[in-house]
């Protein structure tokens, strides 16, 4: 497993160091988006016929088919059926995918390798598009025939 070092605060963020030298930015300053936003970006990258919804407090997201997707019309079939894909970060800090279905327990977990993710934290909608493409690529890899 590759250990990713946290980014050093930029000059603009160093203003959030408190009197004790602790970096303490206000909420939404360091990380603009919650994980369910990443799920929505992944669904958008998958194309028409895909949607996403937020998990509790945006801490995870579900990506699901809403109908016939663009990928199916191109001859690539999803193996999801009625299930959705849960996007989350595990206790070791890895971005993960697993099947989520109300009638059965979670399936095998897939890690999205850090080298397959953008090398920046998203701060703009365009940044989120890049992350969405990376998440969609991982879903295609694991859940498409």
N, C-alpha and C. Protein backbone atom coordinates (compact mmCIF):
# COMPACT_ATOMS: atom_id res chain seq x y z
N UNK A 1 0.84 -1.17 0.00
CA UNK A 1 0.00 0.00 0.00
C UNK A 1 0.88 1.24 0.00
N UNK A 2 0.55 2.17 -0.84
CA UNK A 2 1.28 3.42 -0.93
C UNK A 2 0.75 4.39 0.13
N UNK A 3 1.66 4.97 0.86
CA UNK A 3 1.27 5.97 1.85
C UNK A 3 1.30 7.34 1.18
N UNK A 4 0.21 8.03 1.25
CA UNK A 4 0.12 9.36 0.67
C UNK A 4 0.28 10.37 1.79
N UNK A 5 1.27 11.23 1.64
CA UNK A 5 1.50 12.25 2.63
C UNK A 5 0.49 13.38 2.44
N UNK A 6 -0.05 13.91 3.51
CA UNK A 6 -0.98 15.03 3.35
C UNK A 6 -0.26 16.22 2.73
N UNK A 7 -1.02 16.97 1.94
CA UNK A 7 -0.44 18.16 1.33
C UNK A 7 -0.10 19.18 2.41
N UNK A 8 1.02 19.85 2.22
CA UNK A 8 1.37 20.93 3.14
C UNK A 8 0.40 22.08 2.92
N UNK A 9 -0.01 22.76 3.97
CA UNK A 9 -0.92 23.87 3.78
C UNK A 9 -0.31 24.94 2.87
N UNK A 10 -1.09 25.46 1.98
CA UNK A 10 -0.62 26.54 1.11
C UNK A 10 -0.49 27.80 1.95
N UNK A 11 0.15 28.80 1.35
CA UNK A 11 0.34 30.07 2.07
C UNK A 11 -1.00 30.63 2.54
N UNK A 12 -2.02 30.46 1.70
CA UNK A 12 -3.34 30.99 2.06
C UNK A 12 -3.92 30.27 3.27
N UNK A 13 -3.56 28.99 3.45
CA UNK A 13 -4.11 28.23 4.57
C UNK A 13 -3.28 28.36 5.85
N UNK A 14 -2.04 28.83 5.77
CA UNK A 14 -1.23 28.95 6.98
C UNK A 14 -1.80 29.98 7.95
N UNK A 15 -2.71 30.81 7.47
CA UNK A 15 -3.37 31.76 8.37
C UNK A 15 -4.23 31.05 9.42
N UNK A 16 -4.47 29.76 9.23
CA UNK A 16 -5.33 29.01 10.15
C UNK A 16 -4.54 28.24 11.21
N UNK A 17 -3.32 28.65 11.45
CA UNK A 17 -2.53 28.06 12.53
C UNK A 17 -2.83 28.85 13.79
N UNK A 18 -3.24 28.12 14.84
CA UNK A 18 -3.64 28.82 16.06
C UNK A 18 -2.43 29.21 16.90
N UNK A 19 -2.68 29.81 18.05
CA UNK A 19 -1.60 30.32 18.92
C UNK A 19 -0.66 29.23 19.41
N UNK A 20 -1.13 27.97 19.42
CA UNK A 20 -0.29 26.85 19.86
C UNK A 20 0.43 26.17 18.70
N UNK A 21 0.29 26.73 17.49
CA UNK A 21 0.94 26.16 16.33
C UNK A 21 0.19 25.00 15.69
N UNK A 22 -1.06 24.83 16.09
CA UNK A 22 -1.89 23.75 15.55
C UNK A 22 -2.65 24.27 14.33
N UNK A 23 -2.57 23.52 13.26
CA UNK A 23 -3.31 23.87 12.04
C UNK A 23 -4.77 23.54 12.28
N UNK A 24 -5.65 24.56 12.26
CA UNK A 24 -7.06 24.39 12.59
C UNK A 24 -7.93 25.23 11.66
N UNK A 25 -8.05 24.80 10.39
CA UNK A 25 -8.86 25.59 9.45
C UNK A 25 -10.34 25.47 9.74
N UNK A 26 -11.13 26.47 9.39
CA UNK A 26 -12.58 26.38 9.54
C UNK A 26 -13.13 25.27 8.64
N UNK A 27 -14.26 24.68 9.01
CA UNK A 27 -14.86 23.64 8.17
C UNK A 27 -15.04 24.12 6.72
N UNK A 28 -14.74 23.22 5.78
CA UNK A 28 -14.90 23.52 4.37
C UNK A 28 -13.73 24.26 3.75
N UNK A 29 -12.74 24.61 4.53
CA UNK A 29 -11.59 25.35 4.01
C UNK A 29 -10.57 24.41 3.39
N UNK A 30 -10.24 23.35 4.10
CA UNK A 30 -9.20 22.43 3.62
C UNK A 30 -9.76 21.45 2.59
N UNK A 31 -10.91 20.87 2.87
CA UNK A 31 -11.56 19.95 1.95
C UNK A 31 -12.94 20.51 1.65
N UNK A 32 -13.12 20.92 0.40
CA UNK A 32 -14.34 21.61 -0.01
C UNK A 32 -15.50 20.64 -0.20
N UNK A 33 -15.21 19.42 -0.64
CA UNK A 33 -16.25 18.46 -1.00
C UNK A 33 -16.32 17.30 0.00
N UNK A 34 -17.53 16.75 0.19
CA UNK A 34 -17.71 15.54 0.99
C UNK A 34 -17.72 14.34 0.05
N UNK A 35 -17.58 13.15 0.59
CA UNK A 35 -17.43 11.95 -0.22
C UNK A 35 -18.63 11.69 -1.13
N UNK A 36 -19.83 12.04 -0.69
CA UNK A 36 -20.98 11.82 -1.57
C UNK A 36 -20.90 12.70 -2.82
N UNK A 37 -20.21 13.84 -2.75
CA UNK A 37 -19.98 14.67 -3.94
C UNK A 37 -19.12 13.90 -4.96
N UNK A 38 -18.17 13.14 -4.45
CA UNK A 38 -17.32 12.31 -5.33
C UNK A 38 -18.19 11.25 -6.01
N UNK A 39 -19.12 10.66 -5.27
CA UNK A 39 -20.02 9.66 -5.85
C UNK A 39 -20.85 10.28 -6.96
N UNK A 40 -21.37 11.47 -6.72
CA UNK A 40 -22.16 12.15 -7.75
C UNK A 40 -21.30 12.46 -8.99
N UNK A 41 -20.06 12.83 -8.79
CA UNK A 41 -19.16 13.08 -9.91
C UNK A 41 -18.89 11.78 -10.68
N UNK A 42 -18.76 10.66 -9.95
CA UNK A 42 -18.58 9.37 -10.61
C UNK A 42 -19.79 8.98 -11.43
N UNK A 43 -20.98 9.20 -10.89
CA UNK A 43 -22.22 8.89 -11.62
C UNK A 43 -22.32 9.76 -12.87
N UNK A 44 -21.99 11.03 -12.75
CA UNK A 44 -22.03 11.92 -13.91
C UNK A 44 -21.06 11.45 -15.00
N UNK A 45 -19.88 10.98 -14.59
CA UNK A 45 -18.89 10.50 -15.56
C UNK A 45 -19.33 9.21 -16.23
N UNK A 46 -20.14 8.41 -15.54
CA UNK A 46 -20.66 7.18 -16.15
C UNK A 46 -21.69 7.50 -17.23
N UNK A 47 -22.32 8.65 -17.15
CA UNK A 47 -23.22 9.10 -18.20
C UNK A 47 -24.69 9.01 -17.84
N UNK A 48 -25.52 9.20 -18.87
CA UNK A 48 -26.97 9.14 -18.68
C UNK A 48 -27.37 7.77 -18.14
N UNK A 49 -28.37 7.76 -17.30
CA UNK A 49 -28.83 6.50 -16.73
C UNK A 49 -28.14 6.12 -15.43
N UNK A 50 -27.32 7.02 -14.89
CA UNK A 50 -26.64 6.77 -13.63
C UNK A 50 -26.98 7.88 -12.65
N UNK A 51 -27.07 7.55 -11.38
CA UNK A 51 -27.35 8.53 -10.35
C UNK A 51 -26.55 8.21 -9.10
N UNK A 52 -26.67 9.07 -8.12
CA UNK A 52 -25.97 8.86 -6.85
C UNK A 52 -26.80 9.49 -5.74
N UNK A 53 -26.59 9.00 -4.55
CA UNK A 53 -27.22 9.61 -3.37
C UNK A 53 -26.23 9.62 -2.23
N UNK A 54 -26.49 10.49 -1.30
CA UNK A 54 -25.59 10.69 -0.17
C UNK A 54 -25.83 9.69 0.93
N UNK A 55 -24.74 9.24 1.53
CA UNK A 55 -24.83 8.48 2.77
C UNK A 55 -24.89 9.46 3.94
N UNK A 56 -24.92 8.93 5.13
CA UNK A 56 -25.05 9.74 6.34
C UNK A 56 -23.99 10.84 6.37
N UNK A 57 -24.42 12.08 6.49
CA UNK A 57 -23.57 13.27 6.56
C UNK A 57 -22.62 13.41 5.36
N UNK A 58 -22.95 12.73 4.26
CA UNK A 58 -22.10 12.80 3.08
C UNK A 58 -20.82 12.00 3.22
N UNK A 59 -20.73 11.16 4.27
CA UNK A 59 -19.50 10.41 4.54
C UNK A 59 -19.28 9.25 3.59
N UNK A 60 -20.27 8.89 2.79
CA UNK A 60 -20.15 7.88 1.74
C UNK A 60 -21.23 8.17 0.72
N UNK A 61 -21.17 7.53 -0.41
CA UNK A 61 -22.17 7.75 -1.44
C UNK A 61 -22.49 6.46 -2.16
N UNK A 62 -23.70 6.38 -2.70
CA UNK A 62 -24.13 5.24 -3.49
C UNK A 62 -24.25 5.67 -4.95
N UNK A 63 -23.72 4.85 -5.84
CA UNK A 63 -23.82 5.09 -7.27
C UNK A 63 -24.65 3.96 -7.85
N UNK A 64 -25.65 4.29 -8.65
CA UNK A 64 -26.58 3.26 -9.12
C UNK A 64 -27.08 3.58 -10.52
N UNK A 65 -27.59 2.55 -11.17
CA UNK A 65 -28.20 2.73 -12.48
C UNK A 65 -29.64 3.19 -12.31
N UNK A 66 -30.04 4.17 -13.10
CA UNK A 66 -31.42 4.66 -13.05
C UNK A 66 -32.23 4.15 -14.23
N UNK A 67 -31.57 3.55 -15.18
CA UNK A 67 -32.22 3.06 -16.41
C UNK A 67 -31.15 2.60 -17.36
N UNK A 68 -31.43 2.65 -18.63
CA UNK A 68 -30.45 2.24 -19.63
C UNK A 68 -29.35 3.30 -19.70
N UNK A 69 -28.13 2.87 -19.49
CA UNK A 69 -27.03 3.83 -19.49
C UNK A 69 -26.39 3.94 -20.86
N UNK A 70 -25.61 4.99 -21.05
CA UNK A 70 -24.84 5.17 -22.28
C UNK A 70 -23.91 3.99 -22.51
N UNK A 71 -23.34 3.45 -21.44
CA UNK A 71 -22.38 2.35 -21.58
C UNK A 71 -23.07 1.12 -22.13
N UNK A 72 -24.29 0.85 -21.68
CA UNK A 72 -25.03 -0.31 -22.18
C UNK A 72 -25.32 -0.13 -23.67
N UNK A 73 -25.67 1.07 -24.09
CA UNK A 73 -25.96 1.32 -25.49
C UNK A 73 -24.69 1.16 -26.34
N UNK A 74 -23.53 1.26 -25.72
CA UNK A 74 -22.27 1.05 -26.43
C UNK A 74 -21.82 -0.40 -26.37
N UNK A 75 -22.64 -1.27 -25.80
CA UNK A 75 -22.31 -2.69 -25.74
C UNK A 75 -21.59 -3.13 -24.49
N UNK A 76 -21.44 -2.25 -23.51
CA UNK A 76 -20.81 -2.62 -22.25
C UNK A 76 -21.89 -2.76 -21.19
N UNK A 77 -22.08 -3.95 -20.68
CA UNK A 77 -23.15 -4.18 -19.72
C UNK A 77 -22.62 -4.14 -18.30
N UNK A 78 -23.35 -3.46 -17.43
CA UNK A 78 -23.04 -3.44 -16.01
C UNK A 78 -23.52 -4.74 -15.39
N UNK A 79 -22.80 -5.20 -14.39
CA UNK A 79 -23.20 -6.41 -13.66
C UNK A 79 -23.91 -6.06 -12.36
N UNK A 80 -24.34 -4.82 -12.19
CA UNK A 80 -24.92 -4.39 -10.92
C UNK A 80 -26.32 -4.93 -10.66
N UNK A 81 -27.14 -5.05 -11.69
CA UNK A 81 -28.53 -5.44 -11.45
C UNK A 81 -29.21 -4.39 -10.59
N UNK A 82 -29.85 -4.84 -9.49
CA UNK A 82 -30.54 -3.92 -8.57
C UNK A 82 -29.62 -3.35 -7.50
N UNK A 83 -28.38 -3.76 -7.49
CA UNK A 83 -27.44 -3.27 -6.48
C UNK A 83 -26.89 -1.91 -6.87
N UNK A 84 -26.26 -1.26 -5.93
CA UNK A 84 -25.55 -0.02 -6.19
C UNK A 84 -24.11 -0.20 -5.72
N UNK A 85 -23.28 0.74 -6.06
CA UNK A 85 -21.88 0.72 -5.63
C UNK A 85 -21.73 1.74 -4.52
N UNK A 86 -21.20 1.30 -3.40
CA UNK A 86 -20.93 2.22 -2.30
C UNK A 86 -19.50 2.71 -2.42
N UNK A 87 -19.33 4.02 -2.44
CA UNK A 87 -18.01 4.65 -2.48
C UNK A 87 -17.73 5.16 -1.08
N UNK A 88 -16.60 4.78 -0.52
CA UNK A 88 -16.26 5.18 0.84
C UNK A 88 -14.75 5.17 1.02
N UNK A 89 -14.30 5.71 2.13
CA UNK A 89 -12.90 5.66 2.52
C UNK A 89 -12.82 4.77 3.74
N UNK A 90 -11.94 3.76 3.68
CA UNK A 90 -11.84 2.82 4.80
C UNK A 90 -10.99 3.40 5.93
N UNK A 91 -10.81 2.62 6.98
CA UNK A 91 -10.11 3.11 8.17
C UNK A 91 -8.62 3.36 7.91
N UNK A 92 -8.09 2.86 6.79
CA UNK A 92 -6.69 3.10 6.46
C UNK A 92 -6.52 4.25 5.47
N UNK A 93 -7.63 4.90 5.11
CA UNK A 93 -7.55 6.05 4.22
C UNK A 93 -7.59 5.71 2.75
N UNK A 94 -7.97 4.47 2.40
CA UNK A 94 -8.07 4.08 1.00
C UNK A 94 -9.47 4.32 0.48
N UNK A 95 -9.59 4.89 -0.73
CA UNK A 95 -10.89 5.04 -1.37
C UNK A 95 -11.30 3.66 -1.88
N UNK A 96 -12.54 3.25 -1.57
CA UNK A 96 -12.99 1.90 -1.87
C UNK A 96 -14.35 1.88 -2.55
N UNK A 97 -14.61 0.75 -3.21
CA UNK A 97 -15.90 0.45 -3.81
C UNK A 97 -16.36 -0.90 -3.28
N UNK A 98 -17.65 -1.06 -3.05
CA UNK A 98 -18.23 -2.37 -2.77
C UNK A 98 -19.69 -2.35 -3.16
N UNK A 99 -20.22 -3.53 -3.50
CA UNK A 99 -21.64 -3.62 -3.84
C UNK A 99 -22.48 -3.35 -2.61
N UNK A 100 -23.59 -2.70 -2.82
CA UNK A 100 -24.52 -2.40 -1.73
C UNK A 100 -25.91 -2.81 -2.20
N UNK A 101 -26.55 -3.65 -1.43
CA UNK A 101 -27.89 -4.11 -1.78
C UNK A 101 -28.66 -4.34 -0.50
N UNK A 102 -29.93 -4.02 -0.50
CA UNK A 102 -30.72 -4.17 0.72
C UNK A 102 -30.94 -5.62 1.11
N UNK A 103 -30.79 -6.57 0.15
CA UNK A 103 -31.09 -7.97 0.45
C UNK A 103 -29.88 -8.84 0.75
N UNK A 104 -28.67 -8.30 0.61
CA UNK A 104 -27.50 -9.11 0.93
C UNK A 104 -26.37 -8.24 1.47
N UNK A 105 -25.46 -8.90 2.15
CA UNK A 105 -24.34 -8.18 2.78
C UNK A 105 -23.38 -7.65 1.72
N UNK A 106 -22.54 -6.74 2.13
CA UNK A 106 -21.57 -6.14 1.21
C UNK A 106 -20.69 -7.21 0.57
N UNK A 107 -20.28 -6.93 -0.63
CA UNK A 107 -19.45 -7.86 -1.39
C UNK A 107 -17.98 -7.57 -1.16
N UNK A 108 -17.18 -8.19 -1.99
CA UNK A 108 -15.75 -7.93 -1.97
C UNK A 108 -15.49 -6.44 -2.14
N UNK A 109 -14.53 -5.96 -1.42
CA UNK A 109 -14.16 -4.56 -1.46
C UNK A 109 -13.04 -4.38 -2.48
N UNK A 110 -13.16 -3.34 -3.29
CA UNK A 110 -12.12 -2.99 -4.25
C UNK A 110 -11.52 -1.66 -3.84
N UNK A 111 -10.20 -1.60 -3.83
CA UNK A 111 -9.50 -0.35 -3.54
C UNK A 111 -9.25 0.38 -4.85
N UNK A 112 -9.45 1.67 -4.86
CA UNK A 112 -9.06 2.47 -6.01
C UNK A 112 -7.62 2.89 -5.74
N UNK A 113 -6.72 2.37 -6.52
CA UNK A 113 -5.30 2.62 -6.28
C UNK A 113 -4.99 4.11 -6.39
N UNK A 114 -4.17 4.60 -5.48
CA UNK A 114 -3.88 6.04 -5.43
C UNK A 114 -3.26 6.54 -6.73
N UNK A 115 -2.50 5.69 -7.42
CA UNK A 115 -1.92 6.15 -8.69
C UNK A 115 -2.96 6.30 -9.79
N UNK A 116 -4.18 5.78 -9.57
CA UNK A 116 -5.27 5.94 -10.52
C UNK A 116 -6.18 7.12 -10.18
N UNK A 117 -5.82 7.85 -9.16
CA UNK A 117 -6.60 9.02 -8.73
C UNK A 117 -5.83 10.30 -9.04
N UNK A 118 -6.52 11.40 -9.25
CA UNK A 118 -5.82 12.67 -9.45
C UNK A 118 -4.90 12.97 -8.26
N UNK A 119 -3.84 13.70 -8.52
CA UNK A 119 -2.85 14.00 -7.48
C UNK A 119 -3.14 15.30 -6.75
N UNK A 120 -4.42 15.67 -6.68
CA UNK A 120 -4.78 16.93 -6.03
C UNK A 120 -6.13 16.74 -5.35
N UNK A 121 -6.36 17.56 -4.34
CA UNK A 121 -7.68 17.58 -3.71
C UNK A 121 -8.57 18.50 -4.52
N UNK A 122 -9.78 18.09 -4.85
CA UNK A 122 -10.64 18.95 -5.67
C UNK A 122 -11.09 20.19 -4.92
N UNK A 123 -11.00 21.31 -5.63
CA UNK A 123 -11.44 22.58 -5.06
C UNK A 123 -12.45 23.27 -5.97
N UNK A 124 -12.64 22.75 -7.20
CA UNK A 124 -13.55 23.37 -8.16
C UNK A 124 -14.39 22.28 -8.83
N UNK A 125 -15.47 22.64 -9.49
CA UNK A 125 -16.25 21.64 -10.23
C UNK A 125 -15.41 20.92 -11.30
N UNK A 126 -14.50 21.63 -11.96
CA UNK A 126 -13.63 20.97 -12.94
C UNK A 126 -12.73 19.93 -12.29
N UNK A 127 -12.22 20.23 -11.10
CA UNK A 127 -11.42 19.25 -10.36
C UNK A 127 -12.26 18.01 -10.05
N UNK A 128 -13.52 18.23 -9.67
CA UNK A 128 -14.40 17.10 -9.36
C UNK A 128 -14.67 16.25 -10.60
N UNK A 129 -14.70 16.86 -11.77
CA UNK A 129 -14.88 16.10 -13.00
C UNK A 129 -13.74 15.11 -13.18
N UNK A 130 -12.52 15.54 -12.91
CA UNK A 130 -11.37 14.63 -13.01
C UNK A 130 -11.48 13.48 -12.03
N UNK A 131 -11.90 13.76 -10.80
CA UNK A 131 -12.10 12.71 -9.81
C UNK A 131 -13.23 11.78 -10.24
N UNK A 132 -14.31 12.34 -10.78
CA UNK A 132 -15.42 11.53 -11.25
C UNK A 132 -15.00 10.56 -12.32
N UNK A 133 -14.17 11.01 -13.26
CA UNK A 133 -13.67 10.13 -14.32
C UNK A 133 -12.86 8.98 -13.74
N UNK A 134 -12.04 9.26 -12.74
CA UNK A 134 -11.24 8.20 -12.11
C UNK A 134 -12.12 7.19 -11.38
N UNK A 135 -13.15 7.67 -10.70
CA UNK A 135 -14.07 6.78 -9.99
C UNK A 135 -14.87 5.96 -10.98
N UNK A 136 -15.34 6.59 -12.06
CA UNK A 136 -16.09 5.87 -13.09
C UNK A 136 -15.22 4.79 -13.74
N UNK A 137 -13.95 5.08 -13.96
CA UNK A 137 -13.04 4.09 -14.54
C UNK A 137 -12.92 2.87 -13.62
N UNK A 138 -12.86 3.09 -12.32
CA UNK A 138 -12.77 1.97 -11.37
C UNK A 138 -14.07 1.16 -11.37
N UNK A 139 -15.20 1.83 -11.46
CA UNK A 139 -16.48 1.12 -11.52
C UNK A 139 -16.57 0.29 -12.79
N UNK A 140 -16.15 0.86 -13.91
CA UNK A 140 -16.16 0.11 -15.17
C UNK A 140 -15.25 -1.11 -15.08
N UNK A 141 -14.10 -0.95 -14.46
CA UNK A 141 -13.14 -2.04 -14.31
C UNK A 141 -13.72 -3.21 -13.52
N UNK A 142 -14.42 -2.91 -12.44
CA UNK A 142 -14.89 -3.97 -11.53
C UNK A 142 -16.32 -4.42 -11.75
N UNK A 143 -17.15 -3.59 -12.36
CA UNK A 143 -18.58 -3.92 -12.43
C UNK A 143 -19.17 -3.93 -13.84
N UNK A 144 -18.32 -3.89 -14.86
CA UNK A 144 -18.79 -4.01 -16.23
C UNK A 144 -18.18 -5.25 -16.85
N UNK A 145 -18.96 -5.90 -17.71
CA UNK A 145 -18.45 -7.07 -18.43
C UNK A 145 -17.49 -6.65 -19.51
